[in-house]
Amino acid sequence: MKIYTKTGDKGQTALYGGTRVSKASARVDSYGNIDELNSFIGIAKSHIQDEEVLKQLKKIQFDLFTVGSEAATPVDKLMLANGKSRLPLVISDTEIEELENWMDAFDEKLEPLQYFILPGGGKAATFLHAARTICRRAERSLVFLNESEEVRPELIKYLNRLSDYLFVLARYISKINNEPEEYWNPNER
């Protein structure tokens, strides 16, 4: 099987379920942002040695494929004619709670925030901060899509929580790598 199909040469692509849309559509933009986020998490992983963190990030990457597959599926195509779900997996409150639990565990090991943190640190923390901003863009794109086409709220909630997780993880990685955080303190200009 060849990787290229030539079916997108005129600026259209097929959504899950067969509907063809412009590659500039809000739906394609949303799952494209999710794909970019997943790639940046992969970059961050290549600079992390902590096995537990790597295990969490691998699970998140898996979950992002789940989010992306649902983002690529119009709501009216989620169910097959026989009443079964088209998608074998969907994001639920379970995955959202998992992110919250991981965050809480990291947060217990960190100093309380007093100021905004400037994105940076070592390579891993910097890529995690970049992934956080891409996650926010992916979230905004799903919110924008939801203004014209229904999106299950769990998808937006998952990305919202994931951006918080990436922020806390960037701080945690800086801490375990002995990389100082730099703060935005308006009084120290």
Protein backbone atom coordinates (compact mmCIF):
# COMPACT_ATOMS: atom_id res chain seq x y z
CA MET A 1 0.00 0.00 0.00
CA LYS A 2 1.37 3.41 -0.95
CA ILE A 3 1.31 6.26 1.56
CA TYR A 4 0.09 8.74 -1.02
CA THR A 5 -3.45 8.51 -2.39
CA LYS A 6 -3.63 11.72 -4.48
CA THR A 7 -7.21 12.20 -3.23
CA GLY A 8 -6.22 15.39 -1.42
CA ASP A 9 -4.51 17.07 -4.34
CA LYS A 10 -7.38 19.51 -4.82
CA GLY A 11 -7.45 20.70 -1.21
CA GLN A 12 -10.02 18.31 0.20
CA THR A 13 -9.79 15.40 2.59
CA ALA A 14 -12.11 12.71 3.89
CA LEU A 15 -13.33 12.76 7.46
CA TYR A 16 -13.89 9.57 9.41
CA GLY A 17 -17.20 8.33 8.03
CA GLY A 18 -16.45 9.40 4.46
CA THR A 19 -17.59 13.03 4.25
CA ARG A 20 -15.21 15.12 2.11
CA VAL A 21 -14.34 18.62 3.33
CA SER A 22 -11.87 21.40 2.62
CA LYS A 23 -8.48 21.00 4.27
CA ALA A 24 -9.06 24.55 5.54
CA SER A 25 -12.20 23.55 7.48
CA ALA A 26 -12.46 24.11 11.23
CA ARG A 27 -12.64 20.35 11.79
CA VAL A 28 -9.45 19.61 9.85
CA ASP A 29 -7.71 22.52 11.58
CA SER A 30 -8.69 21.13 14.98
CA TYR A 31 -7.36 17.63 14.44
CA GLY A 32 -4.28 19.08 12.73
CA ASN A 33 -3.52 21.04 15.89
CA ILE A 34 -3.98 17.90 17.95
CA ASP A 35 -1.53 16.07 15.66
CA GLU A 36 1.01 18.89 16.04
CA LEU A 37 0.61 18.74 19.81
CA ASN A 38 1.25 15.00 19.76
CA SER A 39 4.44 15.54 17.76
CA PHE A 40 5.73 18.16 20.21
CA ILE A 41 5.09 15.81 23.10
CA GLY A 42 7.19 13.27 21.19
CA ILE A 43 10.01 15.82 20.94
CA ALA A 44 9.80 16.51 24.67
CA LYS A 45 9.90 12.76 25.40
CA SER A 46 13.20 12.48 23.55
CA HIS A 47 14.76 14.74 26.23
CA ILE A 48 13.23 13.05 29.31
CA GLN A 49 14.73 10.13 31.24
CA ASP A 50 12.17 9.71 34.03
CA GLU A 51 10.42 6.39 33.30
CA GLU A 52 7.17 7.28 35.07
CA VAL A 53 6.89 10.55 33.15
CA LEU A 54 7.64 8.76 29.87
CA LYS A 55 4.91 6.23 30.67
CA GLN A 56 2.43 9.05 31.27
CA LEU A 57 3.40 10.88 28.08
CA LYS A 58 3.04 7.69 26.03
CA LYS A 59 -0.48 7.26 27.43
CA ILE A 60 -1.25 10.90 26.61
CA GLN A 61 -0.01 10.44 23.04
CA PHE A 62 -2.30 7.43 22.73
CA ASP A 63 -5.19 9.48 24.13
CA LEU A 64 -4.45 12.31 21.69
CA PHE A 65 -4.94 9.87 18.81
CA THR A 66 -8.30 9.05 20.39
CA VAL A 67 -9.15 12.78 20.65
CA GLY A 68 -7.98 13.34 17.07
CA SER A 69 -10.02 10.47 15.67
CA GLU A 70 -13.14 11.86 17.30
CA ALA A 71 -12.31 15.39 16.15
CA ALA A 72 -12.09 13.95 12.61
CA THR A 73 -15.56 12.42 12.92
CA PRO A 74 -18.72 14.50 12.53
CA VAL A 75 -21.11 13.86 15.41
CA ASP A 76 -23.73 12.43 13.05
CA LYS A 77 -21.17 9.80 11.96
CA LEU A 78 -20.17 8.68 15.47
CA MET A 79 -22.75 5.89 15.43
CA LEU A 80 -23.02 3.25 12.73
CA ALA A 81 -26.36 2.27 11.20
CA ASN A 82 -26.40 -0.84 13.43
CA GLY A 83 -26.28 1.39 16.55
CA LYS A 84 -22.66 0.61 17.43
CA SER A 85 -20.00 3.27 17.88
CA ARG A 86 -17.85 3.96 14.83
CA LEU A 87 -14.91 4.63 17.14
CA PRO A 88 -13.51 1.87 19.33
CA LEU A 89 -12.44 4.42 21.98
CA VAL A 90 -13.56 7.86 23.12
CA ILE A 91 -12.19 10.19 25.78
CA SER A 92 -14.13 10.12 29.03
CA ASP A 93 -13.92 11.59 32.51
CA THR A 94 -11.57 8.71 33.37
CA GLU A 95 -8.76 10.15 31.22
CA ILE A 96 -9.43 13.66 32.53
CA GLU A 97 -9.24 12.47 36.15
CA GLU A 98 -6.03 10.61 35.33
CA LEU A 99 -4.43 13.90 34.22
CA GLU A 100 -5.65 15.58 37.41
CA ASN A 101 -4.17 12.83 39.58
CA TRP A 102 -0.81 13.03 37.81
CA MET A 103 -0.80 16.80 38.19
CA ASP A 104 -1.61 16.63 41.88
CA ALA A 105 1.28 14.20 42.46
CA PHE A 106 3.76 16.50 40.66
CA ASP A 107 2.38 19.62 42.31
CA GLU A 108 3.02 18.18 45.79
CA LYS A 109 6.74 18.17 44.96
CA LEU A 110 6.85 21.76 43.67
CA GLU A 111 7.15 25.13 45.34
CA PRO A 112 3.90 27.10 45.28
CA LEU A 113 3.58 29.55 42.42
CA GLN A 114 4.03 33.19 43.33
CA TYR A 115 4.63 34.65 39.87
CA PHE A 116 4.10 33.68 36.27
CA ILE A 117 6.88 31.46 34.96
CA LEU A 118 8.74 32.40 31.81
CA PRO A 119 8.63 29.46 29.37
CA GLY A 120 12.07 27.90 29.23
CA GLY A 121 14.45 25.81 31.24
CA GLY A 122 16.24 22.84 29.75
CA LYS A 123 15.27 21.22 26.46
CA ALA A 124 12.57 18.98 27.92
CA ALA A 125 10.91 21.78 29.89
CA THR A 126 11.08 24.14 26.93
CA PHE A 127 9.42 21.63 24.61
CA LEU A 128 6.78 20.92 27.26
CA HIS A 129 6.01 24.65 27.45
CA ALA A 130 5.75 24.76 23.64
CA ALA A 131 3.45 21.72 23.75
CA ARG A 132 1.33 23.53 26.34
CA THR A 133 0.79 26.48 24.01
CA ILE A 134 -0.03 24.17 21.10
CA CYS A 135 -2.48 22.37 23.39
CA ARG A 136 -4.18 25.70 24.12
CA ARG A 137 -4.44 26.33 20.36
CA ALA A 138 -5.90 22.86 19.83
CA GLU A 139 -8.42 23.57 22.58
CA ARG A 140 -9.37 26.93 21.00
CA SER A 141 -9.79 25.27 17.62
CA LEU A 142 -12.17 22.68 19.09
CA VAL A 143 -14.13 25.46 20.81
CA PHE A 144 -14.31 27.27 17.46
CA LEU A 145 -15.47 24.08 15.73
CA ASN A 146 -18.09 23.62 18.46
CA GLU A 147 -19.61 26.97 17.51
CA SER A 148 -20.73 25.52 14.17
CA GLU A 149 -20.66 21.74 14.68
CA GLU A 150 -21.23 19.84 17.90
CA VAL A 151 -18.14 18.59 19.72
CA ARG A 152 -18.46 16.36 22.77
CA PRO A 153 -17.53 18.50 25.80
CA GLU A 154 -15.14 15.84 27.09
CA LEU A 155 -12.75 16.59 24.22
CA ILE A 156 -12.50 20.26 25.10
CA LYS A 157 -12.23 19.47 28.81
CA TYR A 158 -9.46 16.92 28.14
CA LEU A 159 -7.36 19.45 26.21
CA ASN A 160 -7.97 22.09 28.85
CA ARG A 161 -6.72 19.76 31.56
CA LEU A 162 -3.84 18.54 29.40
CA SER A 163 -2.48 22.06 29.00
CA ASP A 164 -2.46 22.41 32.79
CA TYR A 165 -0.71 19.04 33.08
CA LEU A 166 1.97 20.09 30.58
CA PHE A 167 2.61 23.27 32.57
CA VAL A 168 2.98 21.40 35.86
CA LEU A 169 5.11 18.73 34.17
CA ALA A 170 7.44 21.39 32.69
CA ARG A 171 7.94 22.74 36.23
CA TYR A 172 8.50 19.24 37.62
CA ILE A 173 11.03 18.35 34.91
CA SER A 174 12.92 21.61 35.59
CA LYS A 175 13.01 20.71 39.28
CA ILE A 176 14.30 17.14 38.87
CA ASN A 177 16.89 18.39 36.35
CA ASN A 178 18.00 21.17 38.73
CA GLU A 179 17.10 23.86 36.20
CA PRO A 180 16.05 27.15 37.80
CA GLU A 181 12.69 28.66 36.92
CA GLU A 182 12.63 32.24 35.72
CA TYR A 183 9.72 34.38 36.83
CA TRP A 184 7.77 37.23 35.35
CA ASN A 185 7.73 39.63 38.27
CA PRO A 186 6.48 43.05 37.15
CA ASN A 187 8.20 44.64 40.16
CA GLU A 188 11.65 43.54 38.93
CA ARG A 189 11.66 45.18 35.53
